[in-house]
Amino acid sequence: MATDGTPANAFEAQHLVCVRGERPVFGGVDFRVVSGQALLLKGPNGSGKSSLMRILAGLLSPAGGALTWAGEPIFDALGEHRQRLHYVGHLDGIKPAATVAEHVAFWAHLRGADQPEPDALAKVGLEGLADVPGRFLSAGQRRRVSLARLVATPAPLWLLDEPTVTLDIEATARLEALIAAHRATGGIVVVATHTDIKMEDATLLDMAGHRAGVVAVDEMTGGVRDAKTSADEAWDQW
């Protein structure tokens, strides 16, 4: 529990604004999820789901608003924030020559672990492919290798952008079970998807309601403070 009474695992956004280049993407995004909860991002192409996920991962700075963990701004301590999360984006990040086991070991080492959890491959149905190089994997198998990082080492926050792409029914069910187990132990999950995924009692955030139209934003070439001010003004006009 933080000193202000905020739960230790509370992930909160207030009035987030995203501008890419000089193009407003979305604004006015608010949410709060705590231990054991899930957030489901929906919306059409171009509504900013992936941009929001990158902001949540600390890979992209918002043009306005606040993003906090346990009441503390994540952009004040990005290294700490990145150590508390697993982010799985659109690209699987699979090297053709590296084996399945080598990929999972690499991701574990990045997080400071000597070895990945021994059952990581089994949990994504890849225990029989540990020695297979990436170039021989199907699209669905590559996706499962990427998802194996979720269970290779622990992290309280999972950020999953279109995680079921290329997965078959069985693999999707495995992922849903992993998400449920993670939440049962106090983990937080944020999923952006166009497809159905079972997450009991997940909070829905429809990005279509936050999407920007074609709006000219002037004077976006100044500093970060100027960019935030311009973005907020642009949002007020939408």
C-alpha atoms as a PDB file:
ATOM      1  CA  MET A   1       0.000   0.000   0.000  1.00  0.00           C
ATOM      2  CA  ALA A   2       1.350   3.399  -0.957  1.00  0.00           C
ATOM      3  CA  THR A   3       1.548   6.148   1.661  1.00  0.00           C
ATOM      4  CA  ASP A   4      -1.566   7.831   0.204  1.00  0.00           C
ATOM      5  CA  GLY A   5      -3.608   4.640   0.572  1.00  0.00           C
ATOM      6  CA  THR A   6      -3.308   3.598  -3.097  1.00  0.00           C
ATOM      7  CA  PRO A   7      -3.082  -0.216  -3.491  1.00  0.00           C
ATOM      8  CA  ALA A   8       0.470  -1.417  -4.212  1.00  0.00           C
ATOM      9  CA  ASN A   9      -0.614  -2.732  -7.608  1.00  0.00           C
ATOM     10  CA  ALA A  10      -2.820   0.053  -8.925  1.00  0.00           C
ATOM     11  CA  PHE A  11      -2.340   1.114 -12.551  1.00  0.00           C
ATOM     12  CA  GLU A  12      -4.131   4.336 -13.410  1.00  0.00           C
ATOM     13  CA  ALA A  13      -4.439   6.702 -16.371  1.00  0.00           C
ATOM     14  CA  GLN A  14      -5.917  10.182 -16.204  1.00  0.00           C
ATOM     15  CA  HIS A  15      -6.809  12.193 -19.307  1.00  0.00           C
ATOM     16  CA  LEU A  16      -4.147  10.599 -21.515  1.00  0.00           C
ATOM     17  CA  VAL A  17      -3.580  12.310 -24.866  1.00  0.00           C
ATOM     18  CA  CYS A  18      -1.610  10.825 -27.751  1.00  0.00           C
ATOM     19  CA  VAL A  19      -0.180  12.789 -30.669  1.00  0.00           C
ATOM     20  CA  ARG A  20       1.960  11.087 -33.337  1.00  0.00           C
ATOM     21  CA  GLY A  21       3.941  13.598 -35.336  1.00  0.00           C
ATOM     22  CA  GLU A  22       1.437  16.439 -35.527  1.00  0.00           C
ATOM     23  CA  ARG A  23      -1.604  14.165 -35.743  1.00  0.00           C
ATOM     24  CA  PRO A  24      -3.824  13.805 -32.683  1.00  0.00           C
ATOM     25  CA  VAL A  25      -4.643  10.110 -32.227  1.00  0.00           C
ATOM     26  CA  PHE A  26      -6.750  10.002 -29.070  1.00  0.00           C
ATOM     27  CA  GLY A  27      -7.491  11.952 -25.926  1.00  0.00           C
ATOM     28  CA  GLY A  28      -9.348  11.847 -22.641  1.00  0.00           C
ATOM     29  CA  VAL A  29      -8.404   8.248 -21.813  1.00  0.00           C
ATOM     30  CA  ASP A  30      -9.027   7.323 -18.177  1.00  0.00           C
ATOM     31  CA  PHE A  31      -8.894   3.952 -16.430  1.00  0.00           C
ATOM     32  CA  ARG A  32      -7.927   2.332 -13.160  1.00  0.00           C
ATOM     33  CA  VAL A  33      -7.099  -1.340 -12.657  1.00  0.00           C
ATOM     34  CA  VAL A  34      -5.825  -2.981  -9.478  1.00  0.00           C
ATOM     35  CA  SER A  35      -4.560  -6.426  -8.484  1.00  0.00           C
ATOM     36  CA  GLY A  36      -6.533  -9.228 -10.100  1.00  0.00           C
ATOM     37  CA  GLN A  37      -8.287  -7.009 -12.637  1.00  0.00           C
ATOM     38  CA  ALA A  38      -8.160  -6.831 -16.425  1.00  0.00           C
ATOM     39  CA  LEU A  39      -8.672  -4.059 -18.956  1.00  0.00           C
ATOM     40  CA  LEU A  40      -9.896  -4.866 -22.472  1.00  0.00           C
ATOM     41  CA  LEU A  41      -9.173  -2.333 -25.228  1.00  0.00           C
ATOM     42  CA  LYS A  42     -11.477  -2.413 -28.230  1.00  0.00           C
ATOM     43  CA  GLY A  43     -11.917  -0.127 -31.207  1.00  0.00           C
ATOM     44  CA  PRO A  44     -11.494   0.086 -34.988  1.00  0.00           C
ATOM     45  CA  ASN A  45      -8.176   0.318 -36.794  1.00  0.00           C
ATOM     46  CA  GLY A  46      -6.572   3.691 -36.241  1.00  0.00           C
ATOM     47  CA  SER A  47      -8.333   4.370 -32.939  1.00  0.00           C
ATOM     48  CA  GLY A  48      -5.040   4.264 -31.059  1.00  0.00           C
ATOM     49  CA  LYS A  49      -5.089   0.893 -29.293  1.00  0.00           C
ATOM     50  CA  SER A  50      -1.471   0.059 -30.129  1.00  0.00           C
ATOM     51  CA  SER A  51      -0.301   3.608 -29.408  1.00  0.00           C
ATOM     52  CA  LEU A  52      -1.974   3.417 -26.002  1.00  0.00           C
ATOM     53  CA  MET A  53      -0.318   0.063 -25.298  1.00  0.00           C
ATOM     54  CA  ARG A  54       3.083   1.560 -26.127  1.00  0.00           C
ATOM     55  CA  ILE A  55       2.400   4.438 -23.753  1.00  0.00           C
ATOM     56  CA  LEU A  56       1.408   1.976 -21.015  1.00  0.00           C
ATOM     57  CA  ALA A  57       4.694   0.128 -21.587  1.00  0.00           C
ATOM     58  CA  GLY A  58       6.695   3.331 -21.347  1.00  0.00           C
ATOM     59  CA  LEU A  59       7.817   3.080 -24.967  1.00  0.00           C
ATOM     60  CA  LEU A  60       5.968   6.219 -26.064  1.00  0.00           C
ATOM     61  CA  SER A  61       5.419   9.407 -24.095  1.00  0.00           C
ATOM     62  CA  PRO A  62       1.889  10.786 -23.894  1.00  0.00           C
ATOM     63  CA  ALA A  63       1.311  14.330 -25.103  1.00  0.00           C
ATOM     64  CA  GLY A  64      -0.814  15.020 -22.061  1.00  0.00           C
ATOM     65  CA  GLY A  65      -2.323  13.423 -18.972  1.00  0.00           C
ATOM     66  CA  ALA A  66      -0.850  11.193 -16.259  1.00  0.00           C
ATOM     67  CA  LEU A  67      -0.018   7.502 -15.927  1.00  0.00           C
ATOM     68  CA  THR A  68       0.764   6.120 -12.478  1.00  0.00           C
ATOM     69  CA  TRP A  69       1.606   2.894 -10.681  1.00  0.00           C
ATOM     70  CA  ALA A  70       0.736   2.862  -6.967  1.00  0.00           C
ATOM     71  CA  GLY A  71       0.194   6.587  -7.257  1.00  0.00           C
ATOM     72  CA  GLU A  72       3.680   7.306  -8.628  1.00  0.00           C
ATOM     73  CA  PRO A  73       4.220   8.632 -12.190  1.00  0.00           C
ATOM     74  CA  ILE A  74       5.749   5.859 -14.284  1.00  0.00           C
ATOM     75  CA  PHE A  75       7.748   8.269 -16.445  1.00  0.00           C
ATOM     76  CA  ASP A  76       9.668   9.400 -13.365  1.00  0.00           C
ATOM     77  CA  ALA A  77      11.094   5.883 -12.971  1.00  0.00           C
ATOM     78  CA  LEU A  78      10.866   4.133 -16.332  1.00  0.00           C
ATOM     79  CA  GLY A  79      13.436   1.486 -15.457  1.00  0.00           C
ATOM     80  CA  GLU A  80      11.376   0.341 -12.492  1.00  0.00           C
ATOM     81  CA  HIS A  81       8.197   0.358 -14.561  1.00  0.00           C
ATOM     82  CA  ARG A  82       9.684  -1.785 -17.328  1.00  0.00           C
ATOM     83  CA  GLN A  83      10.867  -4.321 -14.759  1.00  0.00           C
ATOM     84  CA  ARG A  84       7.325  -4.778 -13.502  1.00  0.00           C
ATOM     85  CA  LEU A  85       5.780  -5.601 -16.881  1.00  0.00           C
ATOM     86  CA  HIS A  86       5.734  -7.995 -19.806  1.00  0.00           C
ATOM     87  CA  TYR A  87       4.837  -6.380 -23.126  1.00  0.00           C
ATOM     88  CA  VAL A  88       3.910  -8.491 -26.141  1.00  0.00           C
ATOM     89  CA  GLY A  89       3.371  -6.361 -29.236  1.00  0.00           C
ATOM     90  CA  HIS A  90       2.505  -7.082 -32.852  1.00  0.00           C
ATOM     91  CA  LEU A  91       5.981  -8.315 -33.774  1.00  0.00           C
ATOM     92  CA  ASP A  92       7.037 -11.641 -32.309  1.00  0.00           C
ATOM     93  CA  GLY A  93      10.762 -10.851 -32.184  1.00  0.00           C
ATOM     94  CA  ILE A  94      11.822 -14.346 -33.246  1.00  0.00           C
ATOM     95  CA  LYS A  95      15.374 -14.859 -34.544  1.00  0.00           C
ATOM     96  CA  PRO A  96      15.622 -17.436 -37.367  1.00  0.00           C
ATOM     97  CA  ALA A  97      18.719 -19.199 -35.999  1.00  0.00           C
ATOM     98  CA  ALA A  98      17.838 -19.198 -32.284  1.00  0.00           C
ATOM     99  CA  THR A  99      15.948 -22.154 -30.858  1.00  0.00           C
ATOM    100  CA  VAL A 100      12.692 -21.926 -28.964  1.00  0.00           C
ATOM    101  CA  ALA A 101      14.499 -22.601 -25.680  1.00  0.00           C
ATOM    102  CA  GLU A 102      17.156 -19.990 -26.452  1.00  0.00           C
ATOM    103  CA  HIS A 103      14.509 -17.326 -27.042  1.00  0.00           C
ATOM    104  CA  VAL A 104      12.837 -18.010 -23.706  1.00  0.00           C
ATOM    105  CA  ALA A 105      16.186 -18.116 -21.889  1.00  0.00           C
ATOM    106  CA  PHE A 106      17.156 -14.791 -23.462  1.00  0.00           C
ATOM    107  CA  TRP A 107      13.965 -13.091 -22.258  1.00  0.00           C
ATOM    108  CA  ALA A 108      14.498 -14.518 -18.765  1.00  0.00           C
ATOM    109  CA  HIS A 109      18.094 -13.237 -18.701  1.00  0.00           C
ATOM    110  CA  LEU A 110      16.897  -9.762 -19.700  1.00  0.00           C
ATOM    111  CA  ARG A 111      14.890  -9.710 -16.491  1.00  0.00           C
ATOM    112  CA  GLY A 112      17.829 -10.834 -14.376  1.00  0.00           C
ATOM    113  CA  ALA A 113      16.893 -14.505 -14.006  1.00  0.00           C
ATOM    114  CA  ASP A 114      19.515 -17.230 -14.393  1.00  0.00           C
ATOM    115  CA  GLN A 115      17.002 -19.549 -16.018  1.00  0.00           C
ATOM    116  CA  PRO A 116      13.376 -19.323 -17.150  1.00  0.00           C
ATOM    117  CA  GLU A 117      10.694 -21.131 -15.196  1.00  0.00           C
ATOM    118  CA  PRO A 118      11.065 -24.840 -16.061  1.00  0.00           C
ATOM    119  CA  ASP A 119       7.468 -25.266 -17.222  1.00  0.00           C
ATOM    120  CA  ALA A 120       7.333 -22.102 -19.367  1.00  0.00           C
ATOM    121  CA  LEU A 121       7.311 -23.972 -22.677  1.00  0.00           C
ATOM    122  CA  ALA A 122       4.792 -26.538 -21.467  1.00  0.00           C
ATOM    123  CA  LYS A 123       2.363 -23.802 -20.453  1.00  0.00           C
ATOM    124  CA  VAL A 124       2.219 -22.568 -24.069  1.00  0.00           C
ATOM    125  CA  GLY A 125       2.284 -26.063 -25.588  1.00  0.00           C
ATOM    126  CA  LEU A 126       5.841 -25.916 -26.952  1.00  0.00           C
ATOM    127  CA  GLU A 127       7.630 -28.443 -24.737  1.00  0.00           C
ATOM    128  CA  GLY A 128       8.320 -30.675 -27.757  1.00  0.00           C
ATOM    129  CA  LEU A 129       9.876 -27.865 -29.801  1.00  0.00           C
ATOM    130  CA  ALA A 130      12.569 -26.594 -27.424  1.00  0.00           C
ATOM    131  CA  ASP A 131      15.438 -27.301 -29.837  1.00  0.00           C
ATOM    132  CA  VAL A 132      13.705 -26.110 -33.025  1.00  0.00           C
ATOM    133  CA  PRO A 133      15.174 -22.932 -34.628  1.00  0.00           C
ATOM    134  CA  GLY A 134      12.841 -20.014 -35.210  1.00  0.00           C
ATOM    135  CA  ARG A 135      12.984 -20.312 -39.005  1.00  0.00           C
ATOM    136  CA  PHE A 136      11.149 -23.647 -38.874  1.00  0.00           C
ATOM    137  CA  LEU A 137       8.235 -22.439 -36.759  1.00  0.00           C
ATOM    138  CA  SER A 138       4.742 -21.733 -38.038  1.00  0.00           C
ATOM    139  CA  ALA A 139       3.158 -18.334 -37.425  1.00  0.00           C
ATOM    140  CA  GLY A 140       1.140 -19.713 -34.526  1.00  0.00           C
ATOM    141  CA  GLN A 141       4.184 -21.370 -32.980  1.00  0.00           C
ATOM    142  CA  ARG A 142       6.149 -18.131 -33.281  1.00  0.00           C
ATOM    143  CA  ARG A 143       3.379 -16.324 -31.468  1.00  0.00           C
ATOM    144  CA  ARG A 144       3.397 -18.902 -28.680  1.00  0.00           C
ATOM    145  CA  VAL A 145       7.170 -18.516 -28.293  1.00  0.00           C
ATOM    146  CA  SER A 146       6.641 -14.784 -27.867  1.00  0.00           C
ATOM    147  CA  LEU A 147       3.898 -15.388 -25.301  1.00  0.00           C
ATOM    148  CA  ALA A 148       6.153 -17.771 -23.355  1.00  0.00           C
ATOM    149  CA  ARG A 149       7.956 -14.759 -21.885  1.00  0.00           C
ATOM    150  CA  LEU A 150       4.834 -14.176 -19.777  1.00  0.00           C
ATOM    151  CA  VAL A 151       5.534 -17.295 -17.761  1.00  0.00           C
ATOM    152  CA  ALA A 152       9.325 -17.475 -18.150  1.00  0.00           C
ATOM    153  CA  THR A 153       9.732 -14.922 -15.355  1.00  0.00           C
ATOM    154  CA  PRO A 154       7.142 -13.266 -13.120  1.00  0.00           C
ATOM    155  CA  ALA A 155       5.887  -9.705 -13.662  1.00  0.00           C
ATOM    156  CA  PRO A 156       2.771  -8.173 -12.109  1.00  0.00           C
ATOM    157  CA  LEU A 157       1.650  -6.301 -15.247  1.00  0.00           C
ATOM    158  CA  TRP A 158       0.959  -7.953 -18.612  1.00  0.00           C
ATOM    159  CA  LEU A 159       0.397  -5.738 -21.672  1.00  0.00           C
ATOM    160  CA  LEU A 160      -0.801  -7.804 -24.629  1.00  0.00           C
ATOM    161  CA  ASP A 161      -1.419  -6.239 -28.046  1.00  0.00           C
ATOM    162  CA  GLU A 162      -3.474  -8.559 -30.286  1.00  0.00           C
ATOM    163  CA  PRO A 163      -2.115 -11.636 -28.463  1.00  0.00           C
ATOM    164  CA  THR A 164      -4.395 -14.154 -30.202  1.00  0.00           C
ATOM    165  CA  VAL A 165      -3.319 -13.276 -33.759  1.00  0.00           C
ATOM    166  CA  THR A 166      -2.391 -16.548 -35.578  1.00  0.00           C
ATOM    167  CA  LEU A 167      -3.355 -18.670 -32.549  1.00  0.00           C
ATOM    168  CA  ASP A 168      -5.683 -21.634 -33.020  1.00  0.00           C
ATOM    169  CA  ILE A 169      -8.545 -22.482 -30.659  1.00  0.00           C
ATOM    170  CA  GLU A 170      -6.392 -24.637 -28.360  1.00  0.00           C
ATOM    171  CA  ALA A 171      -3.601 -22.079 -28.098  1.00  0.00           C
ATOM    172  CA  THR A 172      -6.116 -19.308 -27.422  1.00  0.00           C
ATOM    173  CA  ALA A 173      -7.624 -21.368 -24.612  1.00  0.00           C
ATOM    174  CA  ARG A 174      -4.144 -21.847 -23.122  1.00  0.00           C
ATOM    175  CA  LEU A 175      -3.585 -18.083 -23.178  1.00  0.00           C
ATOM    176  CA  GLU A 176      -6.944 -17.441 -21.543  1.00  0.00           C
ATOM    177  CA  ALA A 177      -6.020 -19.912 -18.792  1.00  0.00           C
ATOM    178  CA  LEU A 178      -2.667 -18.185 -18.258  1.00  0.00           C
ATOM    179  CA  ILE A 179      -4.386 -14.810 -17.988  1.00  0.00           C
ATOM    180  CA  ALA A 180      -6.892 -16.180 -15.477  1.00  0.00           C
ATOM    181  CA  ALA A 181      -4.114 -17.741 -13.385  1.00  0.00           C
ATOM    182  CA  HIS A 182      -2.117 -14.509 -13.443  1.00  0.00           C
ATOM    183  CA  ARG A 183      -5.114 -12.516 -12.250  1.00  0.00           C
ATOM    184  CA  ALA A 184      -5.862 -15.085  -9.548  1.00  0.00           C
ATOM    185  CA  THR A 185      -2.443 -14.390  -8.023  1.00  0.00           C
ATOM    186  CA  GLY A 186      -2.954 -10.616  -8.071  1.00  0.00           C
ATOM    187  CA  GLY A 187      -1.612  -9.802 -11.518  1.00  0.00           C
ATOM    188  CA  ILE A 188      -2.989  -7.090 -13.798  1.00  0.00           C
ATOM    189  CA  VAL A 189      -3.649  -7.664 -17.506  1.00  0.00           C
ATOM    190  CA  VAL A 190      -4.327  -5.177 -20.296  1.00  0.00           C
ATOM    191  CA  VAL A 191      -5.333  -6.663 -23.664  1.00  0.00           C
ATOM    192  CA  ALA A 192      -5.940  -4.873 -26.955  1.00  0.00           C
ATOM    193  CA  THR A 193      -7.736  -7.039 -29.489  1.00  0.00           C
ATOM    194  CA  HIS A 194     -10.147  -7.166 -32.416  1.00  0.00           C
ATOM    195  CA  THR A 195     -11.143 -10.740 -31.584  1.00  0.00           C
ATOM    196  CA  ASP A 196     -13.011 -12.380 -28.726  1.00  0.00           C
ATOM    197  CA  ILE A 197     -10.995 -13.376 -25.679  1.00  0.00           C
ATOM    198  CA  LYS A 198     -12.381 -14.680 -22.401  1.00  0.00           C
ATOM    199  CA  MET A 199     -11.454 -12.481 -19.445  1.00  0.00           C
ATOM    200  CA  GLU A 200     -14.043 -12.642 -16.700  1.00  0.00           C
ATOM    201  CA  ASP A 201     -15.263  -9.274 -15.406  1.00  0.00           C
ATOM    202  CA  ALA A 202     -12.773  -7.335 -17.547  1.00  0.00           C
ATOM    203  CA  THR A 203     -13.303  -3.580 -17.793  1.00  0.00           C
ATOM    204  CA  LEU A 204     -14.012  -2.493 -21.374  1.00  0.00           C
ATOM    205  CA  LEU A 205     -12.354   0.618 -22.784  1.00  0.00           C
ATOM    206  CA  ASP A 206     -13.722   1.452 -26.246  1.00  0.00           C
ATOM    207  CA  MET A 207     -11.108   3.582 -27.987  1.00  0.00           C
ATOM    208  CA  ALA A 208     -13.624   4.612 -30.647  1.00  0.00           C
ATOM    209  CA  GLY A 209     -15.003   7.100 -28.150  1.00  0.00           C
ATOM    210  CA  HIS A 210     -11.594   8.716 -27.700  1.00  0.00           C
ATOM    211  CA  ARG A 211     -10.457   8.802 -31.323  1.00  0.00           C
ATOM    212  CA  ALA A 212      -9.445  12.102 -32.894  1.00  0.00           C
ATOM    213  CA  GLY A 213     -10.719  13.332 -36.222  1.00  0.00           C
ATOM    214  CA  VAL A 214      -8.569  15.142 -38.758  1.00  0.00           C
ATOM    215  CA  VAL A 215      -7.493  18.106 -36.680  1.00  0.00           C
ATOM    216  CA  ALA A 216      -4.683  20.528 -37.483  1.00  0.00           C
ATOM    217  CA  VAL A 217      -2.456  21.063 -34.474  1.00  0.00           C
ATOM    218  CA  ASP A 218      -0.306  24.175 -34.698  1.00  0.00           C
ATOM    219  CA  GLU A 219       3.017  24.868 -33.088  1.00  0.00           C
ATOM    220  CA  MET A 220       3.914  21.263 -32.250  1.00  0.00           C
ATOM    221  CA  THR A 221       7.610  21.808 -32.851  1.00  0.00           C
ATOM    222  CA  GLY A 222       8.341  23.331 -29.466  1.00  0.00           C
ATOM    223  CA  GLY A 223       9.440  21.529 -26.316  1.00  0.00           C
ATOM    224  CA  VAL A 224       7.592  18.765 -24.550  1.00  0.00           C
ATOM    225  CA  ARG A 225       5.648  21.267 -22.491  1.00  0.00           C
ATOM    226  CA  ASP A 226       4.529  23.101 -25.643  1.00  0.00           C
ATOM    227  CA  ALA A 227       3.553  19.818 -27.285  1.00  0.00           C
ATOM    228  CA  LYS A 228       1.407  18.848 -24.319  1.00  0.00           C
ATOM    229  CA  THR A 229      -0.291  22.219 -24.272  1.00  0.00           C
ATOM    230  CA  SER A 230      -1.023  22.093 -28.000  1.00  0.00           C
ATOM    231  CA  ALA A 231      -2.362  18.561 -27.709  1.00  0.00           C
ATOM    232  CA  ASP A 232      -4.679  19.478 -24.871  1.00  0.00           C
ATOM    233  CA  GLU A 233      -5.993  22.456 -26.815  1.00  0.00           C
ATOM    234  CA  ALA A 234      -6.532  20.269 -29.872  1.00  0.00           C
ATOM    235  CA  TRP A 235      -8.429  17.748 -27.777  1.00  0.00           C
ATOM    236  CA  ASP A 236     -10.772  20.456 -26.528  1.00  0.00           C
ATOM    237  CA  GLN A 237     -11.688  21.221 -30.159  1.00  0.00           C
ATOM    238  CA  TRP A 238     -12.593  17.625 -31.126  1.00  0.00           C
END
